[in-house]
Amino acid sequence: MVTNYTEDNRIVHGLWIGKTLSILELLTINSFIANGHKFWLWTYQPLDNKVPNNVILKDANEIIPENKVFSYRNRNQYGHGKGSYAGFSDIFRYALLYKYGGWWTDMDVTCLKPLNFSEPYVFRSHHIFHVVGNLIKCPANSALMENCLQEAKSNINSENRNWNKPLEILNNNIIKYKLQKYIHYLCPPDQWRVIRKFLKNNVTLSDEYFAIHWINEEWRRLKLNKTTVIYNSYFYQLLKKYNIKLERSKCIKKIIFQYKLSLIHSVLTILINSPIAFIKALITLKS
């Protein structure tokens, strides 16, 4: 474990909107702390959970007032996203990173090894969007974050249906300021067919990865129970490693959980919720 972090790598910021942290969010916090980072958790409400003593709870109103919080009112072009705080979270991280700098993580990211990069910026590569913002490092007062913040505030609100728009803003500004050299391969691909294997099986993950993103939006879309874990899966092993207390799940809950992780359930869910997205996916597979 790295203990001699440089100042710009020591603190990791995260945002949680709500009162209760599931095992997924607790895993995020514990994993970064176990790898030597300090964790600043920004919230708008007191938490029901007990968090580790070395977590610093911060008032999110300092960054953006609570009356500015919004969630998406409609589904996006992929058939999900209704009720998600994703758009607001993008605005919040740009504002926070502009003010404080350092690392930002989404609350569905598990740290696998220390993030002690010498570069002022670190961007996580993505198989489609080039860069995504669920794990990102920037210096304070950067022109990059200032511009991303202003564009996001002007273009992202509760009516936004374009799930990719915040990512387009980030990517366009990385190109604008010629920061592509700071893109790193930090995580396995953000593809549900990949991630669900880690939830179902005890697979081996390459040592090259610094973190894993569990794609919480897919958990929301599939209505996965966050208290249910498949014994001996890679996810289960991480929960044990980072001392997350697990409740014993009923057999029926485990069966439902495994079914929802199956390919057939994913296909049926897409077909029911977004037939157009399903047809586009079929066309893509045939082409």
Protein backbone atom coordinates (compact mmCIF):
# COMPACT_ATOMS: atom_id res chain seq x y z
CA MET A 1 0.00 0.00 0.00
CA VAL A 2 1.26 3.48 -0.87
CA THR A 3 1.40 5.79 2.15
CA ASN A 4 3.60 8.53 0.71
CA TYR A 5 1.04 9.91 -1.73
CA THR A 6 1.72 13.25 -3.33
CA GLU A 7 -0.80 15.86 -2.21
CA ASP A 8 -2.73 15.77 -5.48
CA ASN A 9 -3.22 11.99 -5.25
CA ARG A 10 -4.04 11.56 -1.56
CA ILE A 11 -7.69 12.66 -1.46
CA VAL A 12 -10.48 10.97 -3.43
CA HIS A 13 -13.87 12.69 -3.66
CA GLY A 14 -17.26 11.04 -4.07
CA LEU A 15 -20.89 12.17 -3.97
CA TRP A 16 -23.88 10.33 -2.53
CA ILE A 17 -27.44 11.63 -2.81
CA GLY A 18 -29.60 9.82 -0.26
CA LYS A 19 -29.41 8.54 3.29
CA THR A 20 -28.33 4.92 2.91
CA LEU A 21 -25.18 3.40 1.42
CA SER A 22 -25.47 -0.11 0.00
CA ILE A 23 -22.64 -2.64 0.03
CA LEU A 24 -21.63 -1.33 -3.41
CA GLU A 25 -20.99 2.21 -2.15
CA LEU A 26 -19.37 0.95 1.05
CA LEU A 27 -17.06 -1.17 -1.10
CA THR A 28 -16.06 1.97 -3.01
CA ILE A 29 -15.17 3.84 0.18
CA ASN A 30 -13.38 0.96 1.91
CA SER A 31 -11.36 0.03 -1.16
CA PHE A 32 -9.88 3.50 -1.60
CA ILE A 33 -9.10 3.77 2.11
CA ALA A 34 -7.49 0.31 2.15
CA ASN A 35 -5.23 1.46 -0.68
CA GLY A 36 -4.01 4.41 1.37
CA HIS A 37 -6.24 7.21 0.08
CA LYS A 38 -8.30 9.62 2.15
CA PHE A 39 -11.97 9.69 1.17
CA TRP A 40 -14.08 12.82 1.20
CA LEU A 41 -17.74 11.85 0.89
CA TRP A 42 -20.00 14.73 -0.13
CA THR A 43 -23.64 14.40 0.96
CA TYR A 44 -26.76 16.52 1.30
CA GLN A 45 -28.26 14.50 4.16
CA PRO A 46 -26.98 12.65 7.25
CA LEU A 47 -26.29 8.99 6.51
CA ASP A 48 -27.99 6.05 8.18
CA ASN A 49 -24.81 3.99 7.77
CA LYS A 50 -21.76 4.11 9.94
CA VAL A 51 -18.80 5.00 7.72
CA PRO A 52 -15.13 4.31 8.53
CA ASN A 53 -13.56 6.78 10.97
CA ASN A 54 -11.13 8.10 8.38
CA VAL A 55 -13.91 9.11 5.95
CA ILE A 56 -14.41 12.87 5.90
CA LEU A 57 -18.09 13.73 5.48
CA LYS A 58 -18.50 17.00 3.58
CA ASP A 59 -21.53 19.22 3.01
CA ALA A 60 -22.36 19.06 -0.70
CA ASN A 61 -24.09 22.45 -0.44
CA GLU A 62 -20.61 23.96 -0.43
CA ILE A 63 -20.25 22.91 -4.06
CA ILE A 64 -23.84 23.20 -5.36
CA PRO A 65 -26.94 24.07 -3.28
CA GLU A 66 -29.35 21.21 -2.71
CA ASN A 67 -32.19 23.08 -4.45
CA LYS A 68 -30.19 22.74 -7.69
CA VAL A 69 -30.12 18.93 -7.53
CA PHE A 70 -32.03 17.21 -10.33
CA SER A 71 -32.62 13.75 -11.75
CA TYR A 72 -33.57 12.82 -15.29
CA ARG A 73 -37.33 12.86 -15.89
CA ASN A 74 -37.26 10.65 -18.96
CA ARG A 75 -35.55 7.60 -20.35
CA ASN A 76 -32.57 8.19 -22.59
CA GLN A 77 -31.86 6.86 -26.06
CA TYR A 78 -30.88 3.48 -24.56
CA GLY A 79 -34.17 3.01 -22.74
CA HIS A 80 -32.90 3.65 -19.21
CA GLY A 81 -31.82 6.58 -17.04
CA LYS A 82 -35.18 7.84 -15.79
CA GLY A 83 -34.70 9.01 -12.20
CA SER A 84 -30.91 8.97 -12.47
CA TYR A 85 -28.78 11.71 -10.91
CA ALA A 86 -26.05 11.07 -13.49
CA GLY A 87 -26.38 14.46 -15.22
CA PHE A 88 -26.27 16.37 -11.96
CA SER A 89 -23.34 14.26 -10.80
CA ASP A 90 -21.36 15.32 -13.87
CA ILE A 91 -21.97 18.99 -13.11
CA PHE A 92 -21.09 18.44 -9.44
CA ARG A 93 -17.77 16.73 -10.21
CA TYR A 94 -16.71 19.48 -12.61
CA ALA A 95 -17.48 22.11 -9.96
CA LEU A 96 -15.71 20.17 -7.23
CA LEU A 97 -12.61 19.39 -9.28
CA TYR A 98 -12.37 23.01 -10.38
CA LYS A 99 -12.41 24.13 -6.75
CA TYR A 100 -10.36 21.40 -5.06
CA GLY A 101 -8.63 19.34 -7.72
CA GLY A 102 -7.50 15.78 -6.96
CA TRP A 103 -9.32 12.54 -7.69
CA TRP A 104 -13.01 11.99 -8.30
CA THR A 105 -14.70 8.60 -8.23
CA ASP A 106 -18.26 7.55 -8.85
CA MET A 107 -19.69 5.51 -5.98
CA ASP A 108 -19.77 2.29 -8.03
CA VAL A 109 -16.00 2.08 -8.54
CA THR A 110 -13.76 -0.28 -6.57
CA CYS A 111 -10.10 0.70 -6.14
CA LEU A 112 -7.80 -2.27 -6.78
CA LYS A 113 -4.43 -0.61 -6.25
CA PRO A 114 -3.12 2.84 -5.28
CA LEU A 115 -3.65 5.79 -7.63
CA ASN A 116 -0.37 7.63 -7.28
CA PHE A 117 0.16 9.19 -10.70
CA SER A 118 2.75 11.93 -11.17
CA GLU A 119 0.75 13.59 -13.96
CA PRO A 120 -1.51 16.55 -13.11
CA TYR A 121 -4.34 14.97 -15.11
CA VAL A 122 -5.46 11.34 -15.35
CA PHE A 123 -8.36 10.33 -17.60
CA ARG A 124 -9.90 6.89 -17.81
CA SER A 125 -10.06 5.46 -21.33
CA HIS A 126 -13.28 4.00 -22.70
CA HIS A 127 -13.96 1.62 -25.59
CA ILE A 128 -16.58 3.96 -27.12
CA PHE A 129 -16.25 7.49 -25.74
CA HIS A 130 -12.41 7.65 -25.52
CA VAL A 131 -12.73 9.11 -22.00
CA VAL A 132 -15.33 8.77 -19.21
CA GLY A 133 -15.47 10.72 -15.98
CA ASN A 134 -16.26 8.05 -13.38
CA LEU A 135 -12.60 8.01 -12.30
CA ILE A 136 -10.72 11.20 -13.06
CA LYS A 137 -7.93 13.40 -11.71
CA CYS A 138 -7.50 17.13 -12.40
CA PRO A 139 -5.65 20.04 -10.80
CA ALA A 140 -7.62 22.79 -9.06
CA ASN A 141 -8.60 25.86 -11.10
CA SER A 142 -8.04 24.13 -14.44
CA ALA A 143 -9.41 25.67 -17.61
CA LEU A 144 -10.60 22.17 -18.53
CA MET A 145 -12.94 21.85 -15.55
CA GLU A 146 -14.02 25.48 -15.74
CA ASN A 147 -15.13 25.04 -19.33
CA CYS A 148 -16.73 21.63 -18.71
CA LEU A 149 -18.67 23.13 -15.80
CA GLN A 150 -20.00 26.07 -17.79
CA GLU A 151 -21.00 23.92 -20.76
CA ALA A 152 -22.64 21.28 -18.57
CA LYS A 153 -24.61 23.87 -16.59
CA SER A 154 -25.86 25.36 -19.87
CA ASN A 155 -26.73 22.07 -21.57
CA ILE A 156 -27.55 19.44 -18.95
CA ASN A 157 -30.79 19.50 -16.96
CA SER A 158 -33.61 17.19 -15.92
CA GLU A 159 -35.03 17.17 -19.47
CA ASN A 160 -31.84 15.88 -21.09
CA ARG A 161 -32.41 12.61 -22.99
CA ASN A 162 -28.93 12.32 -24.48
CA TRP A 163 -27.01 10.10 -22.04
CA ASN A 164 -23.77 10.83 -23.90
CA LYS A 165 -23.94 14.63 -23.77
CA PRO A 166 -21.91 15.07 -20.54
CA LEU A 167 -19.26 12.72 -21.92
CA GLU A 168 -19.15 14.65 -25.19
CA ILE A 169 -18.52 17.85 -23.22
CA LEU A 170 -15.63 16.25 -21.33
CA ASN A 171 -14.09 14.64 -24.42
CA ASN A 172 -14.38 17.77 -26.57
CA ASN A 173 -12.64 19.86 -23.92
CA ILE A 174 -9.85 17.33 -23.45
CA ILE A 175 -9.20 17.68 -27.18
CA LYS A 176 -9.56 21.47 -27.02
CA TYR A 177 -6.86 21.76 -24.36
CA LYS A 178 -4.69 19.03 -25.96
CA LEU A 179 -4.71 16.75 -22.91
CA GLN A 180 -5.03 13.39 -24.70
CA LYS A 181 -1.61 12.28 -23.45
CA TYR A 182 -3.11 11.86 -19.97
CA ILE A 183 -5.52 9.11 -21.01
CA HIS A 184 -4.82 5.82 -19.21
CA TYR A 185 -6.22 2.30 -19.36
CA LEU A 186 -7.44 2.09 -15.75
CA CYS A 187 -10.40 -0.34 -15.71
CA PRO A 188 -11.95 -3.28 -17.53
CA PRO A 189 -14.38 -2.23 -20.28
CA ASP A 190 -17.70 -0.67 -19.26
CA GLN A 191 -19.62 -3.51 -20.88
CA TRP A 192 -22.28 -5.31 -18.89
CA ARG A 193 -21.43 -8.66 -20.47
CA VAL A 194 -17.95 -8.22 -18.94
CA ILE A 195 -18.98 -6.85 -15.56
CA ARG A 196 -21.69 -9.41 -14.89
CA LYS A 197 -19.05 -12.18 -15.09
CA PHE A 198 -17.36 -10.62 -12.05
CA LEU A 199 -20.70 -10.66 -10.24
CA LYS A 200 -21.40 -14.30 -11.13
CA ASN A 201 -18.02 -16.04 -11.20
CA ASN A 202 -14.72 -16.13 -9.38
CA VAL A 203 -12.68 -14.90 -12.33
CA THR A 204 -9.13 -13.60 -12.32
CA LEU A 205 -8.65 -9.92 -13.13
CA SER A 206 -5.47 -8.65 -14.76
CA ASP A 207 -2.99 -6.87 -12.47
CA GLU A 208 -2.83 -4.01 -14.95
CA TYR A 209 -6.16 -2.58 -13.74
CA PHE A 210 -6.33 0.11 -11.06
CA ALA A 211 -10.08 -0.11 -10.50
CA ILE A 212 -13.31 -1.69 -11.67
CA HIS A 213 -16.52 0.17 -12.52
CA TRP A 214 -19.65 -1.81 -11.64
CA ILE A 215 -22.00 0.23 -13.88
CA ASN A 216 -24.63 1.13 -11.29
CA GLU A 217 -27.03 2.27 -14.01
CA GLU A 218 -27.30 -1.34 -15.14
CA TRP A 219 -28.13 -2.36 -11.56
CA ARG A 220 -30.91 0.26 -11.63
CA ARG A 221 -32.15 -0.84 -15.05
CA LEU A 222 -32.24 -4.52 -14.08
CA LYS A 223 -33.49 -3.74 -10.55
CA LEU A 224 -30.73 -5.82 -9.00
CA ASN A 225 -30.93 -6.28 -5.25
CA LYS A 226 -27.79 -4.73 -3.75
CA THR A 227 -27.99 -6.92 -0.65
CA THR A 228 -27.68 -10.14 -2.67
CA VAL A 229 -24.27 -11.57 -3.55
CA ILE A 230 -23.28 -14.77 -5.32
CA TYR A 231 -20.98 -16.73 -3.04
CA ASN A 232 -17.34 -16.93 -4.13
CA SER A 233 -17.82 -14.57 -7.09
CA TYR A 234 -15.12 -11.96 -7.75
CA PHE A 235 -17.48 -9.32 -6.32
CA TYR A 236 -17.93 -11.46 -3.20
CA GLN A 237 -14.15 -11.82 -2.84
CA LEU A 238 -13.70 -8.04 -2.98
CA LEU A 239 -16.40 -7.51 -0.36
CA LYS A 240 -14.56 -9.93 1.93
CA LYS A 241 -11.17 -8.36 1.18
CA TYR A 242 -12.38 -4.88 2.07
CA ASN A 243 -14.35 -5.99 5.16
CA ILE A 244 -17.89 -5.30 3.98
CA LYS A 245 -20.43 -7.02 6.19
CA LEU A 246 -22.88 -9.18 4.25
CA GLU A 247 -26.39 -10.23 5.19
CA ARG A 248 -27.45 -13.80 4.52
CA SER A 249 -29.71 -13.79 1.45
CA LYS A 250 -32.70 -16.08 1.01
CA CYS A 251 -32.37 -18.74 -1.66
CA ILE A 252 -35.14 -17.22 -3.81
CA LYS A 253 -33.34 -13.85 -3.83
CA LYS A 254 -30.16 -15.52 -5.07
CA ILE A 255 -32.06 -17.30 -7.84
CA ILE A 256 -33.69 -14.03 -8.94
CA PHE A 257 -30.33 -12.25 -8.78
CA GLN A 258 -28.66 -14.89 -10.96
CA TYR A 259 -31.52 -14.78 -13.46
CA LYS A 260 -31.27 -11.00 -13.73
CA LEU A 261 -27.56 -11.38 -14.49
CA SER A 262 -28.34 -13.75 -17.36
CA LEU A 263 -28.12 -12.77 -21.00
CA ILE A 264 -31.75 -13.71 -21.68
CA HIS A 265 -33.01 -11.34 -18.98
CA SER A 266 -30.86 -8.49 -20.33
CA VAL A 267 -32.21 -9.03 -23.85
CA LEU A 268 -35.84 -9.20 -22.66
CA THR A 269 -35.41 -6.06 -20.54
CA ILE A 270 -34.05 -4.07 -23.50
CA LEU A 271 -36.79 -5.40 -25.78
CA ILE A 272 -39.57 -4.43 -23.34
CA ASN A 273 -38.19 -1.03 -22.29
CA SER A 274 -36.78 0.12 -25.60
CA PRO A 275 -37.74 -1.86 -28.72
CA ILE A 276 -35.98 0.66 -30.97
CA ALA A 277 -32.71 0.27 -29.05
CA PHE A 278 -33.13 -3.51 -29.33
CA ILE A 279 -33.57 -3.35 -33.11
CA LYS A 280 -30.54 -1.07 -33.44
CA ALA A 281 -28.48 -3.54 -31.43
CA LEU A 282 -29.53 -6.39 -33.74
CA ILE A 283 -28.63 -4.35 -36.82
CA THR A 284 -25.23 -3.56 -35.29
CA LEU A 285 -24.57 -7.27 -34.63
CA LYS A 286 -25.45 -8.20 -38.22
CA SER A 287 -23.37 -5.45 -39.82
